[in-house]
């Protein structure tokens, strides 16, 4: 039995490969819909920030945080919306499995960009009101938490359960 056939049996023994890809792509696109809404709100907020009255109080360090937050929010938005746009373009092409793998990669890149944007946005707000040192500490906490929960913990879970999955 190939690894792919084994994965199919683990998810649903009555599901054929086409049904599995359809389900997995649907689940992934649904998750991206939820994520992209939050990213779009953050991106919209960042786009309006320079036009607000208090933005003039932002120092050079804060402006670099702002630029990093803005660009990474744009990257996150693009990456998280790309699978839905590509799904429309590649509709009925028979390339769903390729779309599924690409969408998964884009979701990971979008998640990384979102973590950067959230870290920089939080750092910017803290820097304006409390200074650079607290901003760096709080931003470090945000990056550590997002890195742990979004990437390290799931990768460790995969690694710890590889034997159990292979034995199933």
Protein backbone atom coordinates (compact mmCIF):
# COMPACT_ATOMS: atom_id res chain seq x y z
CA UNK A 1 0.00 0.00 0.00
CA UNK A 2 1.39 3.42 -0.93
CA UNK A 3 1.58 6.26 1.59
CA UNK A 4 -1.14 8.12 -0.31
CA UNK A 5 -3.47 5.10 -0.21
CA UNK A 6 -2.72 4.72 3.50
CA UNK A 7 -3.68 8.38 4.13
CA UNK A 8 -6.95 7.86 2.25
CA UNK A 9 -7.81 4.91 4.47
CA UNK A 10 -7.04 6.93 7.59
CA UNK A 11 -9.38 9.75 6.65
CA UNK A 12 -12.34 7.78 5.37
CA UNK A 13 -12.12 4.22 4.03
CA UNK A 14 -15.17 4.78 1.79
CA UNK A 15 -13.69 7.92 0.20
CA UNK A 16 -12.00 7.58 -3.19
CA UNK A 17 -9.01 9.81 -4.08
CA UNK A 18 -11.16 12.32 -6.00
CA UNK A 19 -13.61 12.66 -3.11
CA UNK A 20 -10.71 13.10 -0.67
CA UNK A 21 -9.17 15.90 -2.74
CA UNK A 22 -12.58 17.58 -3.11
CA UNK A 23 -13.17 17.42 0.65
CA UNK A 24 -9.67 18.56 1.59
CA UNK A 25 -9.75 21.47 -0.86
CA UNK A 26 -13.18 22.51 0.40
CA UNK A 27 -11.99 22.36 4.03
CA UNK A 28 -8.86 24.35 3.22
CA UNK A 29 -10.74 27.04 1.29
CA UNK A 30 -13.24 27.37 4.15
CA UNK A 31 -10.41 27.86 6.63
CA UNK A 32 -8.81 30.44 4.37
CA UNK A 33 -12.11 32.35 4.16
CA UNK A 34 -12.07 32.74 7.92
CA UNK A 35 -8.39 33.75 8.03
CA UNK A 36 -8.58 36.17 5.13
CA UNK A 37 -11.36 38.19 6.76
CA UNK A 38 -9.17 38.96 9.77
CA UNK A 39 -6.19 39.77 7.58
CA UNK A 40 -8.27 42.12 5.43
CA UNK A 41 -9.49 43.99 8.53
CA UNK A 42 -5.89 44.37 9.75
CA UNK A 43 -4.72 45.44 6.29
CA UNK A 44 -7.52 48.02 5.97
CA UNK A 45 -6.70 49.43 9.39
CA UNK A 46 -3.03 49.73 8.46
CA UNK A 47 -3.89 51.45 5.18
CA UNK A 48 -5.79 54.17 7.05
CA UNK A 49 -3.29 54.62 9.89
CA UNK A 50 -0.99 57.20 8.22
CA UNK A 51 -4.00 59.45 7.67
CA UNK A 52 -4.98 59.53 11.34
CA UNK A 53 -4.09 62.51 13.51
CA UNK A 54 -1.88 60.60 15.95
CA UNK A 55 0.38 59.11 13.28
CA UNK A 56 2.63 62.18 13.43
CA UNK A 57 3.75 61.02 16.91
CA UNK A 58 5.27 57.85 15.43
CA UNK A 59 9.08 57.98 15.47
CA UNK A 60 11.50 56.41 12.98
CA UNK A 61 11.44 52.99 14.70
CA UNK A 62 7.64 53.06 14.75
CA UNK A 63 7.49 53.93 11.07
CA UNK A 64 9.67 50.92 10.24
CA UNK A 65 7.33 48.76 12.32
CA UNK A 66 4.41 50.25 10.41
CA UNK A 67 5.98 49.56 7.00
CA UNK A 68 6.80 45.98 7.98
CA UNK A 69 3.25 45.48 9.29
CA UNK A 70 1.69 46.99 6.16
CA UNK A 71 3.78 45.02 3.66
CA UNK A 72 3.39 41.74 5.54
CA UNK A 73 -0.39 42.31 5.80
CA UNK A 74 -0.45 42.83 2.03
CA UNK A 75 1.55 39.62 1.50
CA UNK A 76 -0.74 37.72 3.88
CA UNK A 77 -3.84 39.02 2.08
CA UNK A 78 -2.46 38.04 -1.31
CA UNK A 79 -1.41 34.57 -0.17
CA UNK A 80 -4.65 33.81 1.68
CA UNK A 81 -6.86 35.03 -1.18
CA UNK A 82 -4.81 33.39 -3.95
CA UNK A 83 -6.26 29.86 -3.52
CA UNK A 84 -9.83 31.09 -3.99
CA UNK A 85 -8.87 33.16 -7.03
CA UNK A 86 -6.87 30.28 -8.52
CA UNK A 87 -9.77 27.92 -7.82
CA UNK A 88 -11.99 30.11 -10.01
CA UNK A 89 -9.42 30.28 -12.81
CA UNK A 90 -8.65 26.55 -12.73
CA UNK A 91 -12.32 25.55 -12.31
CA UNK A 92 -13.09 22.22 -14.00
CA UNK A 93 -9.51 21.78 -15.16
CA UNK A 94 -8.99 18.52 -13.28
CA UNK A 95 -6.10 20.07 -11.36
CA UNK A 96 -7.62 20.04 -7.87
CA UNK A 97 -4.80 18.05 -6.30
CA UNK A 98 -2.27 20.60 -7.56
CA UNK A 99 -4.50 23.41 -6.28
CA UNK A 100 -4.77 21.67 -2.89
CA UNK A 101 -1.00 21.43 -2.44
CA UNK A 102 -0.44 24.98 -3.68
CA UNK A 103 -3.22 26.34 -1.45
CA UNK A 104 -1.66 24.63 1.55
CA UNK A 105 1.73 26.19 0.79
CA UNK A 106 0.14 29.61 0.30
CA UNK A 107 -1.73 29.24 3.60
CA UNK A 108 1.55 28.59 5.43
CA UNK A 109 3.26 31.58 3.78
CA UNK A 110 0.17 33.69 4.52
CA UNK A 111 0.28 32.57 8.14
CA UNK A 112 3.93 33.58 8.43
CA UNK A 113 3.18 36.98 6.89
CA UNK A 114 0.20 37.41 9.21
CA UNK A 115 2.38 36.61 12.24
CA UNK A 116 4.88 39.26 11.09
CA UNK A 117 2.13 41.82 10.56
CA UNK A 118 0.50 41.15 13.92
CA UNK A 119 3.87 41.30 15.67
CA UNK A 120 4.82 44.59 14.02
CA UNK A 121 1.36 46.12 14.52
CA UNK A 122 1.40 45.24 18.20
CA UNK A 123 4.96 46.50 18.51
CA UNK A 124 3.98 49.78 16.85
CA UNK A 125 1.09 50.46 19.22
CA UNK A 126 3.15 49.59 22.30
CA UNK A 127 6.10 51.65 21.02
CA UNK A 128 3.96 54.76 20.57
CA UNK A 129 2.51 54.59 24.07
CA UNK A 130 5.21 52.91 26.17
CA UNK A 131 8.48 53.16 24.24
CA UNK A 132 10.84 50.89 22.35
CA UNK A 133 11.86 48.51 25.14
CA UNK A 134 8.32 47.41 26.08
CA UNK A 135 7.47 47.25 22.37
CA UNK A 136 10.32 44.85 21.71
CA UNK A 137 9.34 42.69 24.69
CA UNK A 138 5.65 42.56 23.75
CA UNK A 139 6.46 41.95 20.07
CA UNK A 140 8.78 39.12 21.09
CA UNK A 141 5.90 37.60 23.06
CA UNK A 142 3.56 37.87 20.08
CA UNK A 143 6.05 36.31 17.67
CA UNK A 144 6.87 33.50 20.11
CA UNK A 145 3.20 32.72 20.76
CA UNK A 146 2.20 32.76 17.09
CA UNK A 147 5.26 30.72 16.11
CA UNK A 148 4.53 28.14 18.80
CA UNK A 149 0.77 27.80 18.21
CA UNK A 150 0.70 28.11 14.43
CA UNK A 151 3.85 26.26 13.42
CA UNK A 152 5.95 24.53 16.09
CA UNK A 153 3.14 22.81 18.00
CA UNK A 154 1.47 21.31 14.90
CA UNK A 155 4.84 20.19 13.50
CA UNK A 156 5.72 18.55 16.82
CA UNK A 157 2.31 16.85 16.86
CA UNK A 158 2.98 15.47 13.38
CA UNK A 159 6.43 14.29 14.37
CA UNK A 160 5.22 12.61 17.58
CA UNK A 161 2.38 10.83 15.82
CA UNK A 162 4.18 9.63 12.68
CA UNK A 163 4.66 6.15 14.11
CA UNK A 164 1.05 5.92 15.27
CA UNK A 165 -0.25 7.11 11.89
CA UNK A 166 2.00 4.67 10.03
CA UNK A 167 0.86 1.78 12.27
CA UNK A 168 -2.85 2.52 11.84
